[in-house]
Amino acid sequence: MFQLTAEEKEEVVAFCDHLKILKYSPVLPQVFTEYGAVILASVLNSDRAIKVNVQIVRIFIQMRELLMTNQEILLKLEQLERQTLQNTKDIQDVFAHLKQLLIPPEQANRQRIGFKRADERE
């Protein structure tokens, strides 16, 4: 069990409609960790406590799965972003090289190569 910070309290109140009464409370609420909730429910030895215990474990498992899924998505997005930035740089390099090829070479500085007509020979 631990106490929420003010920021965590605001987030919980905004996320959980049934906790709106805490919005104006000056006291920071105490909350259970997954293991703390399981231990508490197992200490209370009633049918209702067992049902609550099972439900708490299910909820924490779902939350963990959601966090893992979101984490995987964020990692993939980050990889795509890096790849896109690299591809953008590569495309810019290709265009820069193409522009250099499109600039006509100065004819005066180049010596012709290949077959020369009789009037062109030195």
N, C-alpha and C. Protein backbone atom coordinates (compact mmCIF):
# COMPACT_ATOMS: atom_id res chain seq x y z
N MET A 1 0.85 -1.17 0.00
CA MET A 1 0.00 0.00 0.00
C MET A 1 0.90 1.23 0.00
N PHE A 2 0.52 2.24 -0.79
CA PHE A 2 1.29 3.48 -0.82
C PHE A 2 0.36 4.65 -1.10
N GLN A 3 0.88 5.85 -0.91
CA GLN A 3 0.08 7.06 -1.09
C GLN A 3 0.36 7.66 -2.46
N LEU A 4 -0.71 8.07 -3.15
CA LEU A 4 -0.56 8.69 -4.47
C LEU A 4 -0.03 10.11 -4.34
N THR A 5 0.67 10.57 -5.37
CA THR A 5 1.07 11.98 -5.43
C THR A 5 -0.13 12.78 -5.92
N ALA A 6 -0.03 14.09 -5.87
CA ALA A 6 -1.13 14.96 -6.30
C ALA A 6 -1.42 14.75 -7.79
N GLU A 7 -0.35 14.60 -8.60
CA GLU A 7 -0.54 14.38 -10.04
C GLU A 7 -1.23 13.05 -10.31
N GLU A 8 -0.81 12.01 -9.59
CA GLU A 8 -1.42 10.69 -9.74
C GLU A 8 -2.88 10.72 -9.32
N LYS A 9 -3.18 11.46 -8.25
CA LYS A 9 -4.56 11.57 -7.79
C LYS A 9 -5.43 12.22 -8.87
N GLU A 10 -4.94 13.29 -9.47
CA GLU A 10 -5.70 13.97 -10.53
C GLU A 10 -5.95 13.03 -11.71
N GLU A 11 -4.95 12.25 -12.05
CA GLU A 11 -5.09 11.31 -13.16
C GLU A 11 -6.13 10.23 -12.84
N VAL A 12 -6.08 9.69 -11.62
CA VAL A 12 -7.02 8.65 -11.23
C VAL A 12 -8.44 9.21 -11.21
N VAL A 13 -8.62 10.41 -10.68
CA VAL A 13 -9.95 11.01 -10.61
C VAL A 13 -10.48 11.28 -12.02
N ALA A 14 -9.62 11.70 -12.93
CA ALA A 14 -10.06 11.97 -14.30
C ALA A 14 -10.39 10.67 -15.03
N PHE A 15 -9.70 9.60 -14.71
CA PHE A 15 -9.87 8.33 -15.41
C PHE A 15 -11.04 7.51 -14.86
N CYS A 16 -11.24 7.55 -13.55
CA CYS A 16 -12.27 6.72 -12.89
C CYS A 16 -13.44 7.59 -12.47
N ASP A 17 -14.57 7.43 -13.13
CA ASP A 17 -15.74 8.25 -12.84
C ASP A 17 -16.26 8.05 -11.42
N HIS A 18 -16.15 6.85 -10.89
CA HIS A 18 -16.69 6.58 -9.55
C HIS A 18 -15.83 7.19 -8.44
N LEU A 19 -14.71 7.79 -8.78
CA LEU A 19 -13.85 8.43 -7.77
C LEU A 19 -13.88 9.96 -7.84
N LYS A 20 -14.90 10.52 -8.49
CA LYS A 20 -14.99 11.98 -8.62
C LYS A 20 -15.10 12.68 -7.28
N ILE A 21 -15.59 11.98 -6.26
CA ILE A 21 -15.73 12.57 -4.92
C ILE A 21 -14.35 12.93 -4.35
N LEU A 22 -13.30 12.26 -4.83
CA LEU A 22 -11.94 12.55 -4.35
C LEU A 22 -11.36 13.83 -4.96
N LYS A 23 -12.00 14.35 -5.98
CA LYS A 23 -11.44 15.49 -6.71
C LYS A 23 -11.14 16.67 -5.78
N TYR A 24 -12.04 16.96 -4.88
CA TYR A 24 -11.87 18.13 -4.01
C TYR A 24 -11.36 17.77 -2.61
N SER A 25 -10.99 16.53 -2.42
CA SER A 25 -10.47 16.10 -1.12
C SER A 25 -9.04 16.59 -0.95
N PRO A 26 -8.71 17.16 0.20
CA PRO A 26 -7.34 17.62 0.42
C PRO A 26 -6.38 16.46 0.75
N VAL A 27 -6.94 15.29 1.04
CA VAL A 27 -6.14 14.14 1.44
C VAL A 27 -5.74 13.33 0.20
N LEU A 28 -4.49 12.93 0.15
CA LEU A 28 -4.04 12.06 -0.93
C LEU A 28 -4.40 10.62 -0.59
N PRO A 29 -5.05 9.91 -1.50
CA PRO A 29 -5.53 8.56 -1.17
C PRO A 29 -4.41 7.53 -1.09
N GLN A 30 -4.69 6.48 -0.31
CA GLN A 30 -3.81 5.32 -0.21
C GLN A 30 -4.31 4.30 -1.22
N VAL A 31 -3.39 3.63 -1.90
CA VAL A 31 -3.77 2.62 -2.89
C VAL A 31 -2.95 1.36 -2.67
N PHE A 32 -3.47 0.26 -3.18
CA PHE A 32 -2.79 -1.03 -3.07
C PHE A 32 -2.05 -1.35 -4.35
N THR A 33 -0.94 -2.02 -4.22
CA THR A 33 -0.28 -2.60 -5.37
C THR A 33 -1.02 -3.89 -5.71
N GLU A 34 -0.65 -4.48 -6.81
CA GLU A 34 -1.28 -5.75 -7.21
C GLU A 34 -1.10 -6.80 -6.12
N TYR A 35 0.10 -6.91 -5.64
CA TYR A 35 0.39 -7.92 -4.63
C TYR A 35 -0.28 -7.59 -3.29
N GLY A 36 -0.31 -6.32 -2.94
CA GLY A 36 -0.98 -5.91 -1.71
C GLY A 36 -2.46 -6.24 -1.73
N ALA A 37 -3.10 -6.04 -2.87
CA ALA A 37 -4.53 -6.36 -2.99
C ALA A 37 -4.76 -7.86 -2.88
N VAL A 38 -3.89 -8.63 -3.50
CA VAL A 38 -4.02 -10.09 -3.42
C VAL A 38 -3.82 -10.57 -1.99
N ILE A 39 -2.83 -10.05 -1.31
CA ILE A 39 -2.58 -10.46 0.08
C ILE A 39 -3.76 -10.07 0.97
N LEU A 40 -4.28 -8.85 0.78
CA LEU A 40 -5.41 -8.40 1.59
C LEU A 40 -6.62 -9.30 1.35
N ALA A 41 -6.90 -9.61 0.08
CA ALA A 41 -8.06 -10.44 -0.23
C ALA A 41 -7.88 -11.86 0.28
N SER A 42 -6.64 -12.34 0.31
CA SER A 42 -6.41 -13.71 0.80
C SER A 42 -6.47 -13.77 2.33
N VAL A 43 -6.16 -12.67 3.00
CA VAL A 43 -6.25 -12.63 4.46
C VAL A 43 -7.71 -12.62 4.89
N LEU A 44 -8.52 -11.84 4.15
CA LEU A 44 -9.95 -11.82 4.44
C LEU A 44 -10.52 -13.14 3.93
N ASN A 45 -11.07 -13.94 4.80
CA ASN A 45 -11.45 -15.30 4.45
C ASN A 45 -12.97 -15.42 4.30
N SER A 46 -13.51 -14.79 3.25
CA SER A 46 -14.94 -14.91 2.99
C SER A 46 -15.14 -15.14 1.49
N ASP A 47 -16.35 -15.55 1.14
CA ASP A 47 -16.64 -15.79 -0.28
C ASP A 47 -16.48 -14.51 -1.10
N ARG A 48 -16.95 -13.43 -0.53
CA ARG A 48 -16.85 -12.15 -1.25
C ARG A 48 -15.38 -11.75 -1.45
N ALA A 49 -14.55 -11.95 -0.44
CA ALA A 49 -13.13 -11.62 -0.54
C ALA A 49 -12.45 -12.47 -1.62
N ILE A 50 -12.83 -13.73 -1.71
CA ILE A 50 -12.25 -14.60 -2.74
C ILE A 50 -12.64 -14.11 -4.13
N LYS A 51 -13.92 -13.74 -4.30
CA LYS A 51 -14.38 -13.23 -5.60
C LYS A 51 -13.66 -11.92 -5.96
N VAL A 52 -13.50 -11.07 -4.97
CA VAL A 52 -12.79 -9.80 -5.19
C VAL A 52 -11.34 -10.08 -5.54
N ASN A 53 -10.72 -11.03 -4.86
CA ASN A 53 -9.35 -11.40 -5.12
C ASN A 53 -9.17 -11.85 -6.57
N VAL A 54 -10.04 -12.73 -7.04
CA VAL A 54 -9.97 -13.22 -8.42
C VAL A 54 -10.17 -12.07 -9.40
N GLN A 55 -11.12 -11.20 -9.12
CA GLN A 55 -11.39 -10.07 -10.01
C GLN A 55 -10.20 -9.11 -10.06
N ILE A 56 -9.59 -8.86 -8.92
CA ILE A 56 -8.42 -7.96 -8.88
C ILE A 56 -7.27 -8.53 -9.71
N VAL A 57 -7.03 -9.81 -9.57
CA VAL A 57 -5.95 -10.44 -10.34
C VAL A 57 -6.25 -10.34 -11.82
N ARG A 58 -7.49 -10.58 -12.24
CA ARG A 58 -7.87 -10.46 -13.65
C ARG A 58 -7.64 -9.04 -14.17
N ILE A 59 -8.03 -8.06 -13.38
CA ILE A 59 -7.88 -6.65 -13.79
C ILE A 59 -6.40 -6.30 -13.94
N PHE A 60 -5.58 -6.71 -12.99
CA PHE A 60 -4.15 -6.41 -13.08
C PHE A 60 -3.51 -7.11 -14.28
N ILE A 61 -3.95 -8.33 -14.58
CA ILE A 61 -3.43 -9.03 -15.76
C ILE A 61 -3.81 -8.28 -17.03
N GLN A 62 -5.05 -7.83 -17.13
CA GLN A 62 -5.50 -7.05 -18.30
C GLN A 62 -4.70 -5.76 -18.42
N MET A 63 -4.48 -5.09 -17.30
CA MET A 63 -3.71 -3.85 -17.33
C MET A 63 -2.29 -4.10 -17.81
N ARG A 64 -1.67 -5.17 -17.33
CA ARG A 64 -0.31 -5.51 -17.73
C ARG A 64 -0.26 -5.81 -19.23
N GLU A 65 -1.26 -6.55 -19.74
CA GLU A 65 -1.30 -6.86 -21.16
C GLU A 65 -1.46 -5.59 -22.00
N LEU A 66 -2.32 -4.68 -21.53
CA LEU A 66 -2.50 -3.42 -22.25
C LEU A 66 -1.20 -2.61 -22.28
N LEU A 67 -0.52 -2.57 -21.15
CA LEU A 67 0.74 -1.83 -21.09
C LEU A 67 1.78 -2.44 -22.03
N MET A 68 1.85 -3.76 -22.06
CA MET A 68 2.80 -4.43 -22.95
C MET A 68 2.47 -4.16 -24.40
N THR A 69 1.17 -4.21 -24.74
CA THR A 69 0.75 -3.94 -26.12
C THR A 69 1.09 -2.51 -26.51
N ASN A 70 0.79 -1.57 -25.61
CA ASN A 70 1.11 -0.17 -25.91
C ASN A 70 2.61 0.03 -26.04
N GLN A 71 3.38 -0.66 -25.22
CA GLN A 71 4.83 -0.53 -25.29
C GLN A 71 5.35 -1.05 -26.62
N GLU A 72 4.81 -2.18 -27.08
CA GLU A 72 5.22 -2.74 -28.37
C GLU A 72 4.88 -1.78 -29.50
N ILE A 73 3.69 -1.19 -29.45
CA ILE A 73 3.27 -0.24 -30.48
C ILE A 73 4.19 0.98 -30.48
N LEU A 74 4.51 1.49 -29.30
CA LEU A 74 5.40 2.65 -29.22
C LEU A 74 6.78 2.33 -29.77
N LEU A 75 7.29 1.13 -29.48
CA LEU A 75 8.60 0.74 -30.02
C LEU A 75 8.56 0.65 -31.54
N LYS A 76 7.49 0.08 -32.09
CA LYS A 76 7.37 -0.02 -33.54
C LYS A 76 7.25 1.36 -34.18
N LEU A 77 6.51 2.26 -33.54
CA LEU A 77 6.39 3.62 -34.06
C LEU A 77 7.75 4.33 -34.05
N GLU A 78 8.51 4.11 -33.00
CA GLU A 78 9.83 4.72 -32.91
C GLU A 78 10.75 4.17 -34.01
N GLN A 79 10.68 2.86 -34.25
CA GLN A 79 11.48 2.26 -35.32
C GLN A 79 11.08 2.82 -36.68
N LEU A 80 9.77 2.97 -36.92
CA LEU A 80 9.30 3.54 -38.18
C LEU A 80 9.77 4.98 -38.35
N GLU A 81 9.74 5.73 -37.27
CA GLU A 81 10.18 7.12 -37.32
C GLU A 81 11.66 7.21 -37.68
N ARG A 82 12.47 6.36 -37.04
CA ARG A 82 13.91 6.35 -37.36
C ARG A 82 14.14 5.96 -38.81
N GLN A 83 13.41 4.94 -39.25
CA GLN A 83 13.56 4.47 -40.63
C GLN A 83 13.13 5.55 -41.62
N THR A 84 12.05 6.25 -41.33
CA THR A 84 11.57 7.32 -42.20
C THR A 84 12.59 8.44 -42.27
N LEU A 85 13.17 8.81 -41.13
CA LEU A 85 14.18 9.86 -41.13
C LEU A 85 15.39 9.46 -41.96
N GLN A 86 15.81 8.21 -41.84
CA GLN A 86 16.95 7.71 -42.62
C GLN A 86 16.59 7.70 -44.11
N ASN A 87 15.37 7.23 -44.43
CA ASN A 87 14.94 7.19 -45.83
C ASN A 87 14.87 8.60 -46.41
N THR A 88 14.41 9.56 -45.63
CA THR A 88 14.33 10.95 -46.09
C THR A 88 15.73 11.46 -46.43
N LYS A 89 16.68 11.17 -45.57
CA LYS A 89 18.06 11.60 -45.83
C LYS A 89 18.60 10.93 -47.10
N ASP A 90 18.33 9.63 -47.25
CA ASP A 90 18.79 8.92 -48.44
C ASP A 90 18.17 9.48 -49.71
N ILE A 91 16.88 9.80 -49.66
CA ILE A 91 16.19 10.37 -50.83
C ILE A 91 16.77 11.73 -51.17
N GLN A 92 17.06 12.53 -50.16
CA GLN A 92 17.67 13.84 -50.41
C GLN A 92 19.04 13.68 -51.07
N ASP A 93 19.81 12.69 -50.63
CA ASP A 93 21.11 12.43 -51.24
C ASP A 93 20.96 12.03 -52.70
N VAL A 94 19.98 11.18 -52.99
CA VAL A 94 19.74 10.75 -54.38
C VAL A 94 19.39 11.95 -55.24
N PHE A 95 18.51 12.82 -54.78
CA PHE A 95 18.14 14.00 -55.56
C PHE A 95 19.33 14.94 -55.75
N ALA A 96 20.17 15.07 -54.75
CA ALA A 96 21.35 15.92 -54.89
C ALA A 96 22.27 15.38 -55.99
N HIS A 97 22.46 14.06 -56.01
CA HIS A 97 23.30 13.45 -57.05
C HIS A 97 22.66 13.58 -58.43
N LEU A 98 21.34 13.43 -58.49
CA LEU A 98 20.65 13.58 -59.77
C LEU A 98 20.77 15.00 -60.30
N LYS A 99 20.67 15.98 -59.43
CA LYS A 99 20.80 17.37 -59.85
C LYS A 99 22.20 17.63 -60.40
N GLN A 100 23.20 17.00 -59.80
CA GLN A 100 24.56 17.17 -60.31
C GLN A 100 24.70 16.56 -61.70
N LEU A 101 24.00 15.47 -61.95
CA LEU A 101 24.06 14.85 -63.28
C LEU A 101 23.31 15.66 -64.32
N LEU A 102 22.32 16.43 -63.90
CA LEU A 102 21.53 17.22 -64.84
C LEU A 102 22.23 18.51 -65.26
N ILE A 103 23.22 18.95 -64.53
CA ILE A 103 23.96 20.16 -64.89
C ILE A 103 24.81 19.83 -66.11
N PRO A 104 24.62 20.59 -67.22
CA PRO A 104 25.38 20.29 -68.43
C PRO A 104 26.87 20.57 -68.22
N PRO A 105 27.70 19.62 -68.66
CA PRO A 105 29.15 19.84 -68.51
C PRO A 105 29.61 20.93 -69.47
N GLU A 106 30.64 21.62 -69.06
CA GLU A 106 31.17 22.67 -69.93
C GLU A 106 31.95 22.01 -71.06
N GLN A 107 31.53 22.28 -72.30
CA GLN A 107 32.12 21.64 -73.46
C GLN A 107 33.56 22.10 -73.72
N ALA A 108 33.85 23.33 -73.36
CA ALA A 108 35.17 23.87 -73.67
C ALA A 108 36.28 23.15 -72.91
N ASN A 109 36.05 22.71 -71.75
CA ASN A 109 37.08 22.09 -70.92
C ASN A 109 37.25 20.61 -71.19
N ARG A 110 36.33 20.01 -71.96
CA ARG A 110 36.40 18.57 -72.18
C ARG A 110 36.99 18.25 -73.54
N GLN A 111 37.80 17.26 -73.57
CA GLN A 111 38.36 16.77 -74.83
C GLN A 111 37.47 15.65 -75.32
N ARG A 112 37.07 15.74 -76.58
CA ARG A 112 36.19 14.71 -77.15
C ARG A 112 36.94 13.40 -77.25
N ILE A 113 36.22 12.34 -77.01
CA ILE A 113 36.83 11.03 -77.15
C ILE A 113 36.04 10.25 -78.20
N GLY A 114 36.62 9.19 -78.71
CA GLY A 114 35.94 8.36 -79.69
C GLY A 114 36.40 8.69 -81.10
N PHE A 115 35.59 8.34 -82.09
CA PHE A 115 35.92 8.52 -83.50
C PHE A 115 35.95 10.00 -83.85
N LYS A 116 36.99 10.40 -84.56
CA LYS A 116 37.11 11.79 -84.97
C LYS A 116 37.12 11.84 -86.49
N ARG A 117 36.38 12.79 -87.04
CA ARG A 117 36.37 12.99 -88.50
C ARG A 117 37.71 13.58 -88.94
N ALA A 118 37.92 13.55 -90.20
CA ALA A 118 39.19 14.05 -90.76
C ALA A 118 39.40 15.52 -90.46
N ASP A 119 38.33 16.31 -90.50
CA ASP A 119 38.48 17.75 -90.25
C ASP A 119 38.65 18.07 -88.77
N GLU A 120 38.42 17.11 -87.87
CA GLU A 120 38.59 17.32 -86.46
C GLU A 120 39.95 16.88 -85.94
N ARG A 121 40.69 16.14 -86.74
CA ARG A 121 41.98 15.62 -86.28
C ARG A 121 43.00 16.75 -86.19
N GLU A 122 43.91 16.59 -85.29
CA GLU A 122 44.95 17.62 -85.11
C GLU A 122 46.17 17.34 -85.92
